[in-house]
Amino acid sequence: MTAFAVSARDGAARAGVLRTAHGEVRTPVFMPVGTKASVKSVSPAEVRALGAQIVLGNAYHLHFRPGDALVAELGGLHRFMAWDGPILTDSGGFQVFSLRDTLLAVDDGGVTFRNVYDGSATRFTPELAAAIQANLGSDVAMCLDHVPPPAADRRALADAVRRTTEWARRQRRAPRADGQLRFAINQGGTDRELRRRSAEELVELDFDGNAIGGLALGEDRGAMFATTDEVAALLPDDRPRYFMGIGDPEGILEVIEAGVDMFDCVLPTRTARTGSALTWEGRLNLRNARYARDPAPLDERCDCPACTTFSRAYLRHLVNQSELLGHRLLTLHNLRFVLALTDGARRAIESGTFSAYKRDALARLGTWAP
């Protein structure tokens, strides 16, 4: 039995169910980011209460602190962080290649870099990426990929595609945890031919799912969405599709419309830490004096703890006084907003009204800067 099944369609958009060792995930789904085994400032029980089904952890950071062997010794990542639902772990490829000043060398064998914790030279290989994620015991493990910068020329993009395929082939042969699914990552920038080549090579390797990587890195958003449309159509219909790193409302709706099933981003939690809230009025900067006497909730439509209990004026006070409660409440709200938006999209697909849902949502949001 395949781990994924589509249950409803509306155009290219689709609703489905991903079956994992720690339960089912209804898609499309937003995955809150818990890079270091924690969604910043909120507990696993709170994340679950907001409607999250699956969270993301990062193999790069957990390998160095506290160490994936230690996590395994203590019963695996689920027990370690007290989250009983599914977990997806990124391989660390994005972290290695995005921290360009720490990169020492990349070759077909792997990538060498100075890690961010003690600056020592470290090497990642596909086999190590597999071993780390096997120790963590995540439900979905990502392949190590070569992530080129947005401004890379075509030769560099082609080299990254070739290397990503070879690394995926090697990681596919490596041991994994019992029941662990493994996803490959499509690369190629916004080059249509290279994206197609990457898709064809990786689909042939028959992974449990496929991700679209190397986007949302500063390239033109129109080109990003066009690339997503093209790549999603090339990926197997019976496997989940994952866009790596998108979390703004417009972006979420666009990738869902393209047929993407899963996505993640630090945007909701990071935005909260800057004192801003995501609402149907757009982004609210609570440091603004206009909210000093505002008795309204952040969002009348929201049922999160911040909106059902506190006023904008109080939340502004917490933010301006650097009170930790303010960051926590805004994090709870922003996550709930994105999770509710995604849940609404899923229900709209099931009822055949996704186009209207997207149109109405974007009209209410107006211009929303990611």
Protein backbone atom coordinates (compact mmCIF):
# COMPACT_ATOMS: atom_id res chain seq x y z
CA MET A 1 0.00 0.00 0.00
CA THR A 2 1.36 3.41 -0.95
CA ALA A 3 1.97 5.86 1.88
CA PHE A 4 -0.05 8.58 0.12
CA ALA A 5 -3.49 8.75 -1.46
CA VAL A 6 -5.32 11.64 -3.10
CA SER A 7 -8.88 11.96 -1.79
CA ALA A 8 -10.14 15.04 -3.67
CA ARG A 9 -9.11 17.29 -6.54
CA ASP A 10 -9.99 20.78 -7.74
CA GLY A 11 -7.99 21.55 -10.83
CA ALA A 12 -4.37 20.77 -10.01
CA ALA A 13 -5.00 21.39 -6.30
CA ARG A 14 -5.55 18.23 -4.30
CA ALA A 15 -6.42 16.97 -0.86
CA GLY A 16 -4.95 13.71 0.37
CA VAL A 17 -3.70 11.59 3.24
CA LEU A 18 -0.08 10.77 4.02
CA ARG A 19 0.34 7.70 6.22
CA THR A 20 3.36 7.69 8.50
CA ALA A 21 4.69 5.59 11.37
CA HIS A 22 3.25 8.13 13.82
CA GLY A 23 -0.13 8.71 12.26
CA GLU A 24 -1.92 10.13 9.25
CA VAL A 25 -1.42 13.64 7.88
CA ARG A 26 -4.23 15.26 5.91
CA THR A 27 -2.92 17.39 3.08
CA PRO A 28 -2.38 20.11 2.03
CA VAL A 29 -0.52 20.69 5.26
CA PHE A 30 1.66 23.41 6.76
CA MET A 31 4.50 22.11 8.94
CA PRO A 32 5.60 24.38 11.83
CA VAL A 33 9.38 24.53 12.02
CA GLY A 34 11.03 23.13 15.13
CA THR A 35 14.62 23.41 13.91
CA LYS A 36 16.27 22.38 17.19
CA ALA A 37 13.48 20.04 18.35
CA SER A 38 11.35 22.96 19.52
CA VAL A 39 8.90 25.30 17.82
CA LYS A 40 10.25 28.50 19.32
CA SER A 41 8.54 29.66 22.55
CA VAL A 42 5.60 27.20 22.47
CA SER A 43 5.13 23.68 23.80
CA PRO A 44 4.30 20.60 21.72
CA ALA A 45 0.85 20.46 23.36
CA GLU A 46 0.20 24.04 22.29
CA VAL A 47 1.36 23.33 18.74
CA ARG A 48 -1.00 20.36 18.58
CA ALA A 49 -3.90 22.42 19.98
CA LEU A 50 -3.42 24.96 17.19
CA GLY A 51 -4.15 22.25 14.64
CA ALA A 52 -0.64 21.21 13.61
CA GLN A 53 -0.40 17.63 12.36
CA ILE A 54 3.33 17.35 11.61
CA VAL A 55 6.40 19.37 12.59
CA LEU A 56 9.83 19.80 11.07
CA GLY A 57 13.23 19.29 12.71
CA ASN A 58 16.68 19.87 11.26
CA ALA A 59 19.37 17.22 10.98
CA TYR A 60 22.20 19.80 10.73
CA HIS A 61 21.50 21.43 14.07
CA LEU A 62 20.46 18.28 15.94
CA HIS A 63 23.58 16.47 14.74
CA PHE A 64 25.77 19.05 16.49
CA ARG A 65 23.56 19.90 19.47
CA PRO A 66 22.73 17.72 21.36
CA GLY A 67 23.92 15.04 18.92
CA ASP A 68 21.80 12.57 16.99
CA ALA A 69 23.40 9.61 18.79
CA LEU A 70 22.27 11.09 22.11
CA VAL A 71 18.75 11.59 20.76
CA ALA A 72 18.73 7.93 19.67
CA GLU A 73 19.99 6.84 23.10
CA LEU A 74 17.10 8.72 24.71
CA GLY A 75 14.48 7.03 22.58
CA GLY A 76 14.42 9.07 19.38
CA LEU A 77 13.26 12.54 18.46
CA HIS A 78 9.57 11.96 19.20
CA ARG A 79 10.25 10.99 22.80
CA PHE A 80 13.03 13.55 23.18
CA MET A 81 10.80 16.50 22.29
CA ALA A 82 7.53 14.96 23.57
CA TRP A 83 5.77 15.16 20.21
CA ASP A 84 3.75 12.04 19.41
CA GLY A 85 2.79 13.02 15.85
CA PRO A 86 4.73 12.78 12.60
CA ILE A 87 8.06 14.57 12.19
CA LEU A 88 9.88 15.49 8.98
CA THR A 89 13.62 16.15 9.20
CA ASP A 90 15.54 18.26 6.72
CA SER A 91 18.92 16.78 5.77
CA GLY A 92 20.89 19.95 6.51
CA GLY A 93 21.73 20.60 2.87
CA PHE A 94 20.01 23.98 2.88
CA GLN A 95 21.88 25.07 6.02
CA VAL A 96 25.24 23.97 4.64
CA PHE A 97 24.84 25.77 1.32
CA SER A 98 22.99 28.85 2.56
CA LEU A 99 25.78 29.67 5.02
CA ARG A 100 28.14 30.47 2.16
CA ASP A 101 30.88 31.93 4.33
CA THR A 102 31.28 28.57 6.11
CA LEU A 103 31.45 26.48 2.93
CA LEU A 104 34.91 24.98 2.33
CA ALA A 105 34.48 22.55 -0.55
CA VAL A 106 31.85 20.59 -2.45
CA ASP A 107 32.59 17.56 -4.59
CA ASP A 108 30.79 14.45 -5.73
CA GLY A 109 31.65 12.71 -2.47
CA GLY A 110 30.01 15.28 -0.22
CA VAL A 111 30.32 18.81 1.16
CA THR A 112 32.86 20.20 3.64
CA PHE A 113 32.09 23.27 5.78
CA ARG A 114 32.78 24.93 9.09
CA ASN A 115 29.89 24.20 11.43
CA VAL A 116 28.23 27.15 13.13
CA TYR A 117 28.80 25.85 16.66
CA ASP A 118 32.57 25.64 17.00
CA GLY A 119 33.84 26.48 13.52
CA SER A 120 35.50 23.12 13.03
CA ALA A 121 35.72 21.60 9.56
CA THR A 122 32.90 19.09 9.08
CA ARG A 123 31.89 16.89 6.19
CA PHE A 124 28.38 15.80 5.24
CA THR A 125 27.76 12.94 2.84
CA PRO A 126 24.50 11.34 1.72
CA GLU A 127 25.29 8.35 3.90
CA LEU A 128 25.82 10.56 6.97
CA ALA A 129 22.59 12.45 6.26
CA ALA A 130 20.80 9.10 6.21
CA ALA A 131 22.50 7.91 9.42
CA ILE A 132 21.69 11.13 11.31
CA GLN A 133 18.03 10.97 10.36
CA ALA A 134 17.87 7.25 11.15
CA ASN A 135 19.16 8.06 14.64
CA LEU A 136 16.59 10.82 15.00
CA GLY A 137 13.86 8.38 13.93
CA SER A 138 11.83 10.93 11.96
CA ASP A 139 8.84 9.81 9.91
CA VAL A 140 10.09 11.56 6.77
CA ALA A 141 13.80 11.94 6.02
CA MET A 142 15.04 14.28 3.31
CA CYS A 143 17.90 13.54 0.94
CA LEU A 144 21.04 15.64 1.08
CA ASP A 145 20.94 18.02 -1.88
CA HIS A 146 23.22 20.59 -3.49
CA VAL A 147 21.46 23.95 -3.16
CA PRO A 148 22.93 26.53 -5.59
CA PRO A 149 22.53 30.26 -4.92
CA PRO A 150 19.74 32.10 -6.78
CA ALA A 151 22.25 33.91 -8.99
CA ALA A 152 24.08 30.73 -10.06
CA ASP A 153 24.82 30.38 -13.77
CA ARG A 154 23.48 27.50 -15.81
CA ARG A 155 26.65 25.45 -15.54
CA ALA A 156 26.51 25.64 -11.73
CA LEU A 157 22.80 24.78 -11.75
CA ALA A 158 23.42 21.76 -13.99
CA ASP A 159 26.23 20.59 -11.73
CA ALA A 160 23.93 20.89 -8.71
CA VAL A 161 21.23 18.86 -10.46
CA ARG A 162 23.67 16.12 -11.40
CA ARG A 163 25.17 15.99 -7.92
CA THR A 164 21.78 16.04 -6.19
CA THR A 165 20.68 13.03 -8.24
CA GLU A 166 23.85 11.09 -7.45
CA TRP A 167 23.58 11.91 -3.75
CA ALA A 168 19.91 10.84 -3.76
CA ARG A 169 20.88 7.54 -5.38
CA ARG A 170 23.47 6.91 -2.67
CA GLN A 171 21.19 7.94 0.18
CA ARG A 172 18.43 5.69 -1.13
CA ARG A 173 20.76 2.70 -0.66
CA ALA A 174 21.67 3.71 2.91
CA PRO A 175 19.91 2.23 5.98
CA ARG A 176 16.97 4.12 7.46
CA ALA A 177 14.81 3.86 10.57
CA ASP A 178 11.92 1.40 10.63
CA GLY A 179 8.93 2.87 8.80
CA GLN A 180 10.85 5.98 7.78
CA LEU A 181 9.81 7.55 4.48
CA ARG A 182 12.40 9.25 2.31
CA PHE A 183 11.90 12.21 -0.04
CA ALA A 184 14.13 13.36 -2.91
CA ILE A 185 14.61 17.05 -3.71
CA ASN A 186 14.21 18.58 -7.17
CA GLN A 187 16.77 21.26 -8.08
CA GLY A 188 17.50 23.46 -11.10
CA GLY A 189 16.74 27.05 -10.20
CA THR A 190 14.13 28.53 -12.54
CA ASP A 191 15.60 26.74 -15.57
CA ARG A 192 12.78 24.67 -17.09
CA GLU A 193 15.02 22.16 -18.82
CA LEU A 194 17.14 21.49 -15.73
CA ARG A 195 14.07 21.19 -13.51
CA ARG A 196 12.64 18.63 -15.93
CA ARG A 197 15.92 16.73 -15.98
CA SER A 198 16.03 16.70 -12.20
CA ALA A 199 12.44 15.48 -11.98
CA GLU A 200 12.96 12.69 -14.50
CA GLU A 201 16.13 11.44 -12.82
CA LEU A 202 14.68 11.48 -9.31
CA VAL A 203 11.30 10.01 -10.26
CA GLU A 204 13.16 7.05 -11.76
CA LEU A 205 14.69 6.40 -8.33
CA ASP A 206 11.17 5.87 -6.92
CA PHE A 207 11.24 7.77 -3.62
CA ASP A 208 8.30 7.90 -1.20
CA GLY A 209 7.81 11.58 -1.97
CA ASN A 210 9.37 14.47 -3.84
CA ALA A 211 10.27 17.98 -2.76
CA ILE A 212 10.80 21.16 -4.73
CA GLY A 213 13.94 22.80 -3.38
CA GLY A 214 16.13 25.74 -4.31
CA LEU A 215 13.25 28.24 -4.54
CA ALA A 216 11.98 31.04 -2.26
CA LEU A 217 15.60 32.14 -1.98
CA GLY A 218 15.17 35.65 -3.37
CA GLU A 219 14.34 34.94 -7.01
CA ASP A 220 11.46 36.69 -8.77
CA ARG A 221 8.21 35.39 -7.26
CA GLY A 222 6.49 35.15 -10.60
CA ALA A 223 9.27 32.91 -11.85
CA MET A 224 9.13 30.93 -8.61
CA PHE A 225 5.42 30.22 -8.98
CA ALA A 226 5.77 29.39 -12.67
CA THR A 227 8.57 26.94 -11.86
CA THR A 228 6.45 25.36 -9.14
CA ASP A 229 3.56 24.86 -11.57
CA GLU A 230 5.86 23.17 -14.07
CA VAL A 231 7.71 20.95 -11.58
CA ALA A 232 4.61 19.81 -9.70
CA ALA A 233 3.11 18.58 -12.98
CA LEU A 234 6.23 16.45 -13.57
CA LEU A 235 6.11 14.68 -10.21
CA PRO A 236 4.26 11.40 -9.60
CA ASP A 237 0.57 11.80 -8.92
CA ASP A 238 0.57 9.08 -6.25
CA ARG A 239 3.36 10.57 -4.12
CA PRO A 240 3.32 13.65 -1.88
CA ARG A 241 4.84 16.89 -3.19
CA TYR A 242 6.63 19.20 -0.78
CA PHE A 243 7.61 22.84 -1.40
CA MET A 244 10.49 23.64 0.90
CA GLY A 245 10.32 27.00 2.67
CA ILE A 246 7.13 28.94 1.97
CA GLY A 247 4.74 30.32 4.58
CA ASP A 248 3.21 33.62 3.49
CA PRO A 249 -0.53 33.48 2.70
CA GLU A 250 -0.18 34.22 -1.03
CA GLY A 251 2.64 31.72 -1.39
CA ILE A 252 0.72 28.99 0.43
CA LEU A 253 -2.33 29.41 -1.79
CA GLU A 254 -0.25 29.54 -4.97
CA VAL A 255 1.66 26.33 -4.29
CA ILE A 256 -1.51 24.52 -3.23
CA GLU A 257 -3.10 25.56 -6.53
CA ALA A 258 -0.07 24.09 -8.32
CA GLY A 259 -0.69 20.69 -6.70
CA VAL A 260 1.73 20.89 -3.77
CA ASP A 261 0.74 18.91 -0.68
CA MET A 262 3.24 19.97 2.03
CA PHE A 263 5.15 23.13 2.91
CA ASP A 264 7.01 24.69 5.82
CA CYS A 265 8.49 28.04 6.79
CA VAL A 266 9.89 29.94 9.78
CA LEU A 267 7.95 33.03 8.70
CA PRO A 268 5.05 32.74 11.21
CA THR A 269 7.32 32.28 14.23
CA ARG A 270 10.03 34.68 13.07
CA THR A 271 7.45 37.37 12.29
CA ALA A 272 6.04 36.96 15.80
CA ARG A 273 9.46 37.61 17.31
CA THR A 274 9.63 40.93 15.46
CA GLY A 275 6.35 42.00 17.07
CA SER A 276 4.12 41.47 14.02
CA ALA A 277 0.92 39.51 13.56
CA LEU A 278 -0.48 37.86 10.43
CA THR A 279 -4.16 38.77 10.08
CA TRP A 280 -6.91 39.08 7.49
CA GLU A 281 -6.11 42.80 7.49
CA GLY A 282 -2.56 42.02 6.47
CA ARG A 283 0.52 42.15 8.66
CA LEU A 284 0.10 44.21 11.85
CA ASN A 285 3.22 45.77 13.33
CA LEU A 286 2.24 46.02 16.98
CA ARG A 287 5.07 48.43 17.74
CA ASN A 288 3.04 51.02 15.86
CA ALA A 289 1.49 53.68 18.13
CA ARG A 290 -1.88 53.29 16.41
CA TYR A 291 -2.51 50.15 18.51
CA ALA A 292 -1.72 51.73 21.88
CA ARG A 293 -5.43 52.14 22.78
CA ASP A 294 -6.92 49.54 20.46
CA PRO A 295 -9.29 47.26 22.43
CA ALA A 296 -9.90 44.88 19.51
CA PRO A 297 -8.38 41.42 19.22
CA LEU A 298 -5.66 40.84 16.66
CA ASP A 299 -8.19 39.18 14.37
CA GLU A 300 -11.92 38.91 14.99
CA ARG A 301 -12.05 35.61 13.09
CA CYS A 302 -9.27 33.88 15.05
CA ASP A 303 -9.81 31.45 17.93
CA CYS A 304 -6.23 31.39 19.22
CA PRO A 305 -5.38 32.23 22.87
CA ALA A 306 -4.11 35.69 21.92
CA CYS A 307 -7.29 36.68 20.08
CA THR A 308 -9.81 35.17 22.49
CA THR A 309 -8.24 36.73 25.58
CA PHE A 310 -6.20 39.85 24.89
CA SER A 311 -6.47 43.19 23.11
CA ARG A 312 -4.12 44.69 20.55
CA ALA A 313 -3.28 47.35 23.11
CA TYR A 314 -2.13 44.74 25.65
CA LEU A 315 -0.17 42.77 23.09
CA ARG A 316 1.51 45.98 21.92
CA HIS A 317 2.48 46.70 25.53
CA LEU A 318 4.04 43.24 25.87
CA VAL A 319 5.96 43.60 22.62
CA ASN A 320 7.28 47.06 23.42
CA GLN A 321 8.39 45.94 26.88
CA SER A 322 10.09 42.85 25.43
CA GLU A 323 7.93 40.59 27.57
CA LEU A 324 8.29 36.93 26.61
CA LEU A 325 4.54 36.45 26.84
CA GLY A 326 4.12 38.79 23.90
CA HIS A 327 6.36 36.67 21.68
CA ARG A 328 4.58 33.51 22.80
CA LEU A 329 1.11 34.88 22.13
CA LEU A 330 2.04 36.25 18.71
CA THR A 331 3.66 32.92 17.83
CA LEU A 332 0.50 31.06 18.81
CA HIS A 333 -1.59 33.46 16.75
CA ASN A 334 0.61 33.43 13.63
CA LEU A 335 0.81 29.65 13.58
CA ARG A 336 -2.95 29.36 14.06
CA PHE A 337 -3.54 31.83 11.22
CA VAL A 338 -1.42 29.85 8.74
CA LEU A 339 -2.79 26.49 9.90
CA ALA A 340 -6.38 27.75 9.60
CA LEU A 341 -5.69 29.18 6.14
CA THR A 342 -4.36 25.80 5.03
CA ASP A 343 -7.23 23.91 6.64
CA GLY A 344 -9.67 26.17 4.81
CA ALA A 345 -7.89 25.44 1.54
CA ARG A 346 -8.19 21.71 2.14
CA ARG A 347 -11.91 21.96 2.83
CA ALA A 348 -12.36 24.12 -0.27
CA ILE A 349 -10.63 21.51 -2.43
CA GLU A 350 -12.89 18.84 -0.98
CA SER A 351 -15.97 20.91 -1.85
CA GLY A 352 -14.69 21.93 -5.29
CA THR A 353 -14.50 25.64 -4.40
CA PHE A 354 -10.76 26.22 -4.12
CA SER A 355 -10.53 28.88 -6.85
CA ALA A 356 -13.19 30.96 -5.09
CA TYR A 357 -11.52 30.38 -1.72
CA LYS A 358 -8.17 31.59 -3.04
CA ARG A 359 -9.68 34.59 -4.80
CA ASP A 360 -11.65 35.67 -1.73
CA ALA A 361 -8.71 35.12 0.61
CA LEU A 362 -6.32 37.21 -1.47
CA ALA A 363 -8.95 39.96 -1.84
CA ARG A 364 -9.36 40.15 1.94
CA LEU A 365 -5.62 40.09 2.55
CA GLY A 366 -4.90 42.80 -0.01
CA THR A 367 -1.22 43.47 -0.58
CA TRP A 368 0.69 41.24 1.81
CA ALA A 369 4.46 41.49 1.78
CA PRO A 370 6.15 38.13 2.55
